[in-house]
Amino acid sequence: MKFLFENNHIFLKKWFFIVFVLIFQLSNSSVFAQKSEIEKEIWQLENRYWNYLERNDSTSYKKLWIHSQVNYQSDEMNLSEVKKCSYWMNEINEDSGLEFSCTLHKKAIEITENAITIHYDVDKFWTDKQHNIHKSETFSFSHTWIKFENSWLLSDGIAIKN
């Protein structure tokens, strides 16, 4: 009888271990899938951010930002509100004979429940109608997106010229 009990005990331990591993894997894959979907959504927002800049669409661009956002602008030492966040659109599109475009290069993403910080490089190009590059530059960007009323909105950003 003791032998049967010991075998059942070992069997139960193995069974509980297998069930635990399976449940852990399933819950872990669910968390991974959620983070993957969030990462995809944030990259879509980042692409919109740059598409709005390319099209000189300041109205749509400003809608990506938290409306109460206050930030330093790169050319000012004073804090300014979201109303001024698109000031550099004019710089990007100042030469009407050149077309602005860019390429994003993912570096890293940090995901928490209500905030995401994304890091990437941007190659910026200005080309003429014959697609000759007249100017190019690369920047490293970090943006923080905050979950606000079921939407991700841009809270903060920093860029460094490479």
Protein backbone atom coordinates (compact mmCIF):
# COMPACT_ATOMS: atom_id res chain seq x y z
CA MET A 1 0.00 0.00 0.00
CA LYS A 2 2.85 2.38 0.84
CA PHE A 3 4.33 1.74 -2.62
CA LEU A 4 1.05 2.70 -4.36
CA PHE A 5 0.77 5.89 -2.33
CA GLU A 6 4.37 6.90 -3.13
CA ASN A 7 3.81 6.25 -6.85
CA ASN A 8 0.57 8.25 -6.83
CA HIS A 9 2.32 11.04 -4.96
CA ILE A 10 5.09 11.15 -7.56
CA PHE A 11 2.51 10.96 -10.34
CA LEU A 12 0.52 13.87 -8.83
CA LYS A 13 3.67 15.98 -8.43
CA LYS A 14 4.58 15.40 -12.09
CA TRP A 15 1.02 16.09 -13.19
CA PHE A 16 0.84 19.36 -11.20
CA PHE A 17 4.24 20.38 -12.58
CA ILE A 18 3.12 19.75 -16.18
CA VAL A 19 -0.15 21.62 -15.65
CA PHE A 20 1.72 24.54 -14.05
CA VAL A 21 4.19 24.74 -16.96
CA LEU A 22 1.36 24.65 -19.50
CA ILE A 23 -0.64 27.36 -17.72
CA PHE A 24 2.47 29.51 -17.33
CA GLN A 25 3.27 29.15 -21.03
CA LEU A 26 -0.28 30.00 -22.08
CA SER A 27 -0.48 33.07 -19.84
CA ASN A 28 3.00 34.14 -20.89
CA SER A 29 2.16 33.83 -24.59
CA SER A 30 -0.99 35.91 -23.99
CA VAL A 31 1.08 38.67 -22.38
CA PHE A 32 3.56 38.49 -25.27
CA ALA A 33 0.72 38.73 -27.80
CA GLN A 34 -0.71 41.78 -26.00
CA LYS A 35 2.69 43.50 -25.94
CA SER A 36 3.20 42.65 -29.59
CA GLU A 37 -0.15 44.23 -30.51
CA ILE A 38 0.63 47.34 -28.46
CA GLU A 39 4.06 47.62 -30.09
CA LYS A 40 2.44 47.35 -33.52
CA GLU A 41 -0.08 50.06 -32.60
CA ILE A 42 2.65 52.41 -31.34
CA TRP A 43 4.72 51.91 -34.50
CA GLN A 44 1.65 52.78 -36.55
CA LEU A 45 1.30 55.99 -34.52
CA GLU A 46 4.98 56.80 -35.03
CA ASN A 47 4.55 56.30 -38.78
CA ARG A 48 1.53 58.63 -38.72
CA TYR A 49 3.62 61.18 -36.83
CA TRP A 50 6.18 61.22 -39.66
CA ASN A 51 3.56 61.04 -42.44
CA TYR A 52 1.89 64.14 -41.00
CA LEU A 53 5.26 65.91 -40.98
CA GLU A 54 5.92 64.87 -44.59
CA ARG A 55 2.50 66.21 -45.65
CA ASN A 56 2.84 69.36 -43.54
CA ASP A 57 -0.43 68.43 -41.76
CA SER A 58 -0.12 70.25 -38.43
CA THR A 59 -3.77 69.66 -37.45
CA SER A 60 -3.46 65.86 -37.53
CA TYR A 61 0.05 66.05 -36.05
CA LYS A 62 -1.18 67.99 -33.01
CA LYS A 63 -3.95 65.44 -32.40
CA LEU A 64 -1.26 62.84 -31.62
CA TRP A 65 -0.13 64.87 -28.59
CA ILE A 66 -1.66 65.12 -25.12
CA HIS A 67 -3.45 68.47 -25.23
CA SER A 68 -2.08 69.60 -21.87
CA GLN A 69 1.45 68.65 -22.92
CA VAL A 70 4.24 71.09 -22.05
CA ASN A 71 7.68 70.54 -23.52
CA TYR A 72 10.97 72.19 -24.36
CA GLN A 73 11.42 72.99 -28.02
CA SER A 74 14.86 72.32 -29.45
CA ASP A 75 15.47 75.95 -30.36
CA GLU A 76 14.09 77.49 -27.15
CA MET A 77 15.06 77.44 -23.52
CA ASN A 78 11.46 78.04 -22.45
CA LEU A 79 8.67 75.56 -22.02
CA SER A 80 5.90 75.73 -24.59
CA GLU A 81 2.49 74.16 -25.05
CA VAL A 82 1.22 71.67 -27.60
CA LYS A 83 0.11 74.55 -29.84
CA LYS A 84 3.76 75.11 -30.74
CA CYS A 85 4.78 71.45 -31.10
CA SER A 86 4.57 71.60 -34.89
CA TYR A 87 6.85 74.63 -35.26
CA TRP A 88 9.56 72.54 -36.92
CA MET A 89 7.21 71.43 -39.69
CA ASN A 90 7.95 74.75 -41.37
CA GLU A 91 11.69 74.06 -41.21
CA ILE A 92 11.25 70.62 -42.77
CA ASN A 93 9.08 71.94 -45.58
CA GLU A 94 10.65 75.40 -46.07
CA ASP A 95 12.06 74.73 -49.56
CA SER A 96 9.06 74.10 -51.81
CA GLY A 97 11.37 72.79 -54.55
CA LEU A 98 12.42 69.86 -52.36
CA GLU A 99 10.36 66.99 -51.02
CA PHE A 100 10.90 65.74 -47.48
CA SER A 101 10.87 62.00 -46.71
CA CYS A 102 12.25 59.79 -44.00
CA THR A 103 13.02 56.24 -43.01
CA LEU A 104 12.55 54.91 -39.47
CA HIS A 105 14.88 52.32 -37.90
CA LYS A 106 13.52 50.59 -34.79
CA LYS A 107 15.92 50.36 -31.86
CA ALA A 108 13.98 49.51 -28.68
CA ILE A 109 10.63 49.77 -26.98
CA GLU A 110 9.75 49.75 -23.29
CA ILE A 111 6.15 48.83 -22.48
CA THR A 112 4.36 49.29 -19.18
CA GLU A 113 0.65 49.27 -18.49
CA ASN A 114 -0.02 52.95 -19.25
CA ALA A 115 3.19 54.26 -20.80
CA ILE A 116 5.45 53.27 -23.65
CA THR A 117 8.83 54.67 -24.54
CA ILE A 118 10.02 53.98 -28.04
CA HIS A 119 13.54 54.52 -29.39
CA TYR A 120 14.48 54.72 -33.05
CA ASP A 121 16.68 56.44 -35.61
CA VAL A 122 15.32 58.57 -38.44
CA ASP A 123 17.08 59.16 -41.73
CA LYS A 124 15.68 62.39 -43.18
CA PHE A 125 16.05 63.26 -46.87
CA TRP A 126 15.21 66.23 -49.06
CA THR A 127 15.05 65.36 -52.76
CA ASP A 128 14.24 67.25 -55.93
CA LYS A 129 11.78 66.12 -58.62
CA GLN A 130 14.47 63.94 -60.19
CA HIS A 131 14.95 62.21 -56.79
CA ASN A 132 18.44 63.66 -56.27
CA ILE A 133 19.23 64.02 -52.57
CA HIS A 134 20.08 67.63 -51.71
CA LYS A 135 20.23 67.22 -47.96
CA SER A 136 20.15 64.34 -45.49
CA GLU A 137 20.56 63.93 -41.76
CA THR A 138 20.03 61.27 -39.13
CA PHE A 139 18.54 61.73 -35.67
CA SER A 140 17.95 59.39 -32.74
CA PHE A 141 14.46 59.80 -31.29
CA SER A 142 12.79 58.74 -28.06
CA HIS A 143 9.05 59.26 -27.65
CA THR A 144 6.86 58.50 -24.67
CA TRP A 145 3.25 57.57 -25.35
CA ILE A 146 0.68 57.62 -22.52
CA LYS A 147 -2.61 55.71 -22.42
CA PHE A 148 -5.25 58.44 -22.13
CA GLU A 149 -8.97 57.58 -22.33
CA ASN A 150 -8.40 54.38 -24.37
CA SER A 151 -6.02 56.09 -26.81
CA TRP A 152 -2.26 56.39 -26.94
CA LEU A 153 -1.13 60.02 -27.03
CA LEU A 154 2.35 61.43 -27.32
CA SER A 155 3.52 62.91 -24.04
CA ASP A 156 7.17 63.68 -24.52
CA GLY A 157 9.99 63.37 -26.96
CA ILE A 158 13.65 64.01 -27.42
CA ALA A 159 15.84 63.98 -30.51
CA ILE A 160 19.60 64.00 -30.88
CA LYS A 161 21.35 64.66 -34.17
CA ASN A 162 23.76 61.87 -35.06
